[in-house]
Protein backbone atom coordinates (compact mmCIF):
# COMPACT_ATOMS: atom_id res chain seq x y z
CA UNK A 1 9.98 86.91 53.14
CA UNK A 2 7.42 88.43 55.81
CA UNK A 3 7.36 84.57 57.12
CA UNK A 4 10.64 84.05 57.28
CA UNK A 5 11.13 87.02 59.24
CA UNK A 6 8.26 85.88 61.77
CA UNK A 7 9.97 82.40 61.99
CA UNK A 8 13.25 83.93 63.03
CA UNK A 9 11.95 86.27 65.47
CA UNK A 10 9.87 83.75 67.21
CA UNK A 11 12.96 81.73 67.05
CA UNK A 12 15.11 84.34 68.95
CA UNK A 13 12.31 85.04 70.99
CA UNK A 14 12.07 81.09 72.09
CA UNK A 15 15.76 80.76 72.26
CA UNK A 16 16.21 83.54 74.64
CA UNK A 17 13.33 82.89 76.86
CA UNK A 18 14.90 79.00 77.23
CA UNK A 19 18.78 80.65 78.32
CA UNK A 20 18.86 79.65 81.64
CA UNK A 21 17.37 75.93 80.68
CA UNK A 22 20.22 76.22 77.70
CA UNK A 23 23.06 76.94 80.36
CA UNK A 24 21.92 74.21 82.53
CA UNK A 25 21.93 71.43 79.40
CA UNK A 26 25.52 72.86 77.72
CA UNK A 27 28.04 71.86 81.01
CA UNK A 28 29.63 74.83 80.01
CA UNK A 29 30.00 75.73 76.36
CA UNK A 30 32.29 75.71 72.76
CA UNK A 31 34.65 77.82 71.77
CA UNK A 32 33.25 81.00 69.96
CA UNK A 33 32.82 80.50 66.06
CA UNK A 34 33.35 76.21 66.26
CA UNK A 35 29.83 74.84 65.38
CA UNK A 36 30.25 76.89 62.04
CA UNK A 37 27.44 78.91 60.35
CA UNK A 38 24.36 77.11 59.07
CA UNK A 39 24.86 75.85 55.56
CA UNK A 40 22.23 76.52 52.42
CA UNK A 41 20.78 73.41 53.22
CA UNK A 42 20.26 73.73 56.74
CA UNK A 43 23.18 71.59 58.18
CA UNK A 44 26.17 73.14 60.35
CA UNK A 45 28.77 74.06 58.55
CA UNK A 46 30.05 77.20 55.71
CA UNK A 47 27.43 79.17 53.84
CA UNK A 48 27.83 76.63 50.93
CA UNK A 49 29.43 73.77 52.76
CA UNK A 50 28.06 71.18 55.15
CA UNK A 51 30.96 70.43 58.08
CA UNK A 52 31.17 67.53 60.52
CA UNK A 53 30.82 70.22 63.28
CA UNK A 54 27.53 69.26 65.25
CA UNK A 55 25.04 72.63 65.85
CA UNK A 56 24.45 74.36 68.98
CA UNK A 57 26.53 75.43 71.69
CA UNK A 58 26.45 71.97 73.81
CA UNK A 59 29.41 69.71 74.61
CA UNK A 60 29.51 66.39 75.10
CA UNK A 61 27.27 66.56 78.12
CA UNK A 62 24.47 68.72 76.82
CA UNK A 63 21.59 69.62 74.02
CA UNK A 64 21.94 72.33 71.81
CA UNK A 65 19.74 74.74 69.15
CA UNK A 66 20.37 76.95 66.28
CA UNK A 67 18.28 79.14 64.63
CA UNK A 68 18.95 80.70 61.05
CA UNK A 69 17.94 82.89 58.19
CA UNK A 70 19.86 83.17 55.02
CA UNK A 71 19.13 85.51 52.15
CA UNK A 72 20.75 85.73 48.76
CA UNK A 73 21.21 88.40 46.37
CA UNK A 74 21.41 87.30 42.77
CA UNK A 75 21.32 89.69 39.78
CA UNK A 76 17.97 87.63 38.37
CA UNK A 77 17.13 85.95 41.29
CA UNK A 78 15.94 85.99 44.99
CA UNK A 79 17.16 83.55 47.24
CA UNK A 80 16.26 82.70 51.07
CA UNK A 81 16.53 79.64 53.57
CA UNK A 82 15.06 79.43 57.42
CA UNK A 83 15.39 76.83 59.81
CA UNK A 84 16.54 75.11 62.55
CA UNK A 85 18.67 72.32 64.13
CA UNK A 86 19.00 70.46 67.24
CA UNK A 87 22.52 69.05 68.46
CA UNK A 88 22.65 66.56 71.37
CA UNK A 89 25.91 65.62 73.38
CA UNK A 90 28.04 67.34 70.01
CA UNK A 91 27.12 64.21 68.48
CA UNK A 92 23.93 64.02 66.61
CA UNK A 93 22.74 67.00 64.82
CA UNK A 94 19.20 66.94 63.58
CA UNK A 95 18.08 69.61 61.15
CA UNK A 96 15.20 71.50 58.80
CA UNK A 97 15.67 74.21 56.20
CA UNK A 98 13.07 75.54 53.71
CA UNK A 99 14.43 76.94 50.81
CA UNK A 100 12.78 79.52 48.39
CA UNK A 101 14.33 80.75 45.20
CA UNK A 102 12.04 83.56 43.73
CA UNK A 103 12.37 84.02 39.92
CA UNK A 104 11.31 87.31 39.81
CA UNK A 105 11.26 88.92 36.70
CA UNK A 106 13.23 86.20 34.84
CA UNK A 107 10.39 84.11 35.58
CA UNK A 108 8.17 85.84 33.30
CA UNK A 109 10.80 85.34 30.75
CA UNK A 110 10.89 81.57 31.59
CA UNK A 111 7.63 81.51 30.68
CA UNK A 112 6.22 80.08 34.58
CA UNK A 113 5.45 83.75 35.51
CA UNK A 114 6.71 86.56 36.86
CA UNK A 115 7.98 86.08 40.77
CA UNK A 116 7.27 82.20 40.28
CA UNK A 117 9.02 80.84 43.45
CA UNK A 118 11.15 77.06 43.66
CA UNK A 119 10.78 75.75 47.15
CA UNK A 120 11.88 72.59 48.96
CA UNK A 121 11.86 71.21 52.74
CA UNK A 122 15.48 69.69 53.54
CA UNK A 123 15.46 67.26 56.45
CA UNK A 124 18.64 66.36 57.58
CA UNK A 125 20.89 64.15 60.63
CA UNK A 126 24.47 64.36 61.28
CA UNK A 127 26.55 61.82 63.44
CA UNK A 128 29.97 62.64 64.39
CA UNK A 129 31.96 59.38 64.09
CA UNK A 130 35.14 60.08 65.40
CA UNK A 131 37.59 63.14 66.01
CA UNK A 132 37.32 66.15 67.76
CA UNK A 133 37.57 69.67 65.87
CA UNK A 134 39.90 71.24 68.74
CA UNK A 135 41.40 68.53 70.92
CA UNK A 136 43.39 65.52 69.99
CA UNK A 137 46.34 64.71 67.80
CA UNK A 138 46.82 68.03 65.57
CA UNK A 139 46.27 65.76 62.03
CA UNK A 140 43.19 63.78 63.36
CA UNK A 141 40.14 65.84 61.69
CA UNK A 142 36.39 65.62 63.00
CA UNK A 143 34.46 63.18 60.85
CA UNK A 144 30.94 63.00 60.22
CA UNK A 145 28.79 61.44 58.25
CA UNK A 146 25.23 63.20 57.24
CA UNK A 147 22.17 62.51 55.49
CA UNK A 148 19.51 65.29 53.80
CA UNK A 149 16.09 64.31 52.50
CA UNK A 150 14.69 67.12 50.05
CA UNK A 151 11.58 67.03 48.57
CA UNK A 152 10.43 69.29 46.36
CA UNK A 153 7.31 72.17 46.44
CA UNK A 154 7.43 72.29 42.34
CA UNK A 155 6.54 68.33 41.82
CA UNK A 156 4.98 69.40 38.18
CA UNK A 157 7.26 72.24 36.99
CA UNK A 158 10.57 70.04 37.88
CA UNK A 159 9.29 67.14 36.51
CA UNK A 160 8.13 69.22 33.07
CA UNK A 161 11.91 71.03 33.12
CA UNK A 162 13.53 67.47 32.90
CA UNK A 163 13.99 65.81 36.50
CA UNK A 164 13.75 62.00 37.15
CA UNK A 165 12.54 62.59 40.66
CA UNK A 166 10.78 65.35 42.79
CA UNK A 167 12.77 63.92 46.12
CA UNK A 168 16.11 62.92 46.85
CA UNK A 169 18.57 61.72 49.28
CA UNK A 170 22.05 63.48 49.53
CA UNK A 171 24.57 61.34 51.32
CA UNK A 172 27.89 63.23 53.09
CA UNK A 173 31.30 62.47 54.65
CA UNK A 174 33.07 65.66 55.85
CA UNK A 175 36.30 65.72 57.74
CA UNK A 176 36.98 69.04 59.36
CA UNK A 177 39.96 70.42 61.99
CA UNK A 178 40.56 73.67 63.46
CA UNK A 179 44.43 74.05 63.92
CA UNK A 180 44.33 76.33 67.29
CA UNK A 181 47.50 77.69 67.32
CA UNK A 182 47.61 78.75 63.38
CA UNK A 183 44.14 79.95 63.97
CA UNK A 184 43.05 77.90 60.96
CA UNK A 185 40.24 75.74 59.71
CA UNK A 186 40.09 73.56 56.91
CA UNK A 187 37.31 71.07 55.70
CA UNK A 188 36.42 68.51 52.98
CA UNK A 189 33.66 66.98 52.22
CA UNK A 190 31.90 64.43 49.42
CA UNK A 191 28.50 64.32 48.21
CA UNK A 192 26.80 61.57 46.75
CA UNK A 193 23.96 63.54 44.86
CA UNK A 194 21.22 63.18 42.71
CA UNK A 195 19.92 66.79 43.06
CA UNK A 196 20.02 69.31 40.69
CA UNK A 197 20.43 72.49 41.82
CA UNK A 198 20.42 71.04 45.35
CA UNK A 199 17.16 69.64 44.56
CA UNK A 200 15.65 72.51 43.61
CA UNK A 201 15.24 71.78 40.01
CA UNK A 202 14.53 68.29 41.27
CA UNK A 203 16.58 64.89 41.07
CA UNK A 204 18.35 62.73 38.40
CA UNK A 205 17.77 59.02 38.16
CA UNK A 206 21.85 58.39 39.00
CA UNK A 207 23.36 59.54 41.70
CA UNK A 208 26.67 61.43 40.97
CA UNK A 209 30.45 62.22 43.25
CA UNK A 210 30.80 66.30 43.77
CA UNK A 211 33.19 68.05 46.68
CA UNK A 212 32.91 70.65 48.69
CA UNK A 213 36.29 72.48 50.19
CA UNK A 214 36.67 74.96 52.47
CA UNK A 215 39.35 76.99 54.53
CA UNK A 216 38.59 79.90 57.14
CA UNK A 217 40.68 82.06 59.17
CA UNK A 218 40.21 83.50 62.63
CA UNK A 219 41.37 87.17 62.79
CA UNK A 220 40.41 87.72 66.51
CA UNK A 221 38.34 85.28 69.01
CA UNK A 222 35.12 86.47 67.22
CA UNK A 223 36.23 87.03 63.60
CA UNK A 224 36.76 84.25 61.06
CA UNK A 225 36.93 84.82 57.51
CA UNK A 226 37.81 82.47 54.81
CA UNK A 227 35.93 80.92 51.00
CA UNK A 228 34.24 78.14 49.71
CA UNK A 229 34.37 75.71 46.83
CA UNK A 230 31.52 73.34 45.76
CA UNK A 231 31.38 71.39 42.84
CA UNK A 232 28.13 70.66 40.79
CA UNK A 233 26.72 68.05 38.80
CA UNK A 234 25.37 69.83 35.44
CA UNK A 235 22.68 66.90 34.10
CA UNK A 236 20.12 69.11 33.18
CA UNK A 237 19.53 69.42 29.24
CA UNK A 238 17.60 72.84 29.19
CA UNK A 239 20.27 74.69 31.83
CA UNK A 240 23.79 74.12 32.52
CA UNK A 241 24.59 74.05 36.24
CA UNK A 242 28.04 75.87 37.33
CA UNK A 243 30.37 74.79 40.86
CA UNK A 244 29.51 77.14 43.00
CA UNK A 245 32.50 79.51 45.05
CA UNK A 246 32.34 82.08 47.87
CA UNK A 247 34.55 84.18 50.07
CA UNK A 248 33.22 85.22 53.57
CA UNK A 249 32.89 87.03 56.95
CA UNK A 250 31.39 85.76 60.01
CA UNK A 251 31.54 87.60 63.39
CA UNK A 252 30.33 86.25 66.86
CA UNK A 253 28.51 89.06 67.84
CA UNK A 254 27.53 87.97 71.30
CA UNK A 255 28.35 83.91 72.22
CA UNK A 256 24.73 83.22 70.95
CA UNK A 257 24.13 85.50 67.62
CA UNK A 258 26.57 85.16 64.42
CA UNK A 259 26.34 87.78 61.65
CA UNK A 260 27.78 86.48 58.28
CA UNK A 261 28.21 88.24 55.15
CA UNK A 262 29.87 86.67 51.53
CA UNK A 263 30.38 87.50 48.36
CA UNK A 264 29.02 84.65 46.60
CA UNK A 265 29.10 83.18 42.49
CA UNK A 266 26.57 80.65 41.38
CA UNK A 267 27.56 80.55 37.93
CA UNK A 268 24.48 79.91 35.68
CA UNK A 269 21.13 79.18 36.91
CA UNK A 270 18.46 77.86 34.87
CA UNK A 271 19.48 79.76 31.84
CA UNK A 272 20.69 82.45 33.47
CA UNK A 273 24.56 83.64 33.85
CA UNK A 274 26.42 84.63 35.17
CA UNK A 275 24.51 84.97 39.20
CA UNK A 276 26.92 86.65 41.24
CA UNK A 277 26.04 88.47 44.02
CA UNK A 278 25.68 88.59 48.15
CA UNK A 279 25.01 86.23 51.44
CA UNK A 280 23.30 87.68 54.55
CA UNK A 281 23.19 85.12 57.19
CA UNK A 282 21.49 85.67 60.83
CA UNK A 283 22.41 82.47 63.36
CA UNK A 284 21.49 82.40 66.80
CA UNK A 285 22.30 79.52 68.95
CA UNK A 286 22.40 78.11 72.27
């Protein structure tokens, strides 16, 4: 955890040092909260779901950056991720995230050792195909296609528990629209994936189609609340995998700093259920 905190502090320091340069590149800036927060896989969106929004505060003539630290406190696990993303002309997003799932005391009961950590690296790219989140026809959403390559750091163990592969690639298509007059944001995402527990428990040989849906209401210029739903495949023989839900609140402390808190229900994870807890995220964006 100390390593992730050091990473975030370094990212915040670098971003602060480059504020003037970023301001020159941004050519203005997006409306508050319209770049989303950071999903658990590192792409911009909600906490659990990927959206079609692009990272950073840049508009169509600029370059933006963001960095995040996310922690999820669960009854039997400690989950955290950290990463960074670059947005180019509000069109292309490149991101990286490191995910870690600490089994704490449950690791001993599972026979893998107390505090055993499942980890993976997620390398992502997203391209906005058409539409605009805020402007344009009210019934025409912003649509983006994304790809996420996930590589496990626990090759031997994820293979032993039944995964066919230790790395895999997700492809998703997202449609997102902010109905500004009603302060309402809606998103629908379709994902093609082989991942077990987002890839932390490896990948299956066959792909399945999953759905992610989000809705958020902007209570004020700086505060939004909402909920998300994400379906999950259930293919590992030794452990059921549940669909995910959350209820969140995101607050823009400044134009460049957003904090998010959420209640999450992740169901069954590696034979242990129910896993309900709290998600916290800090994100900086320029």
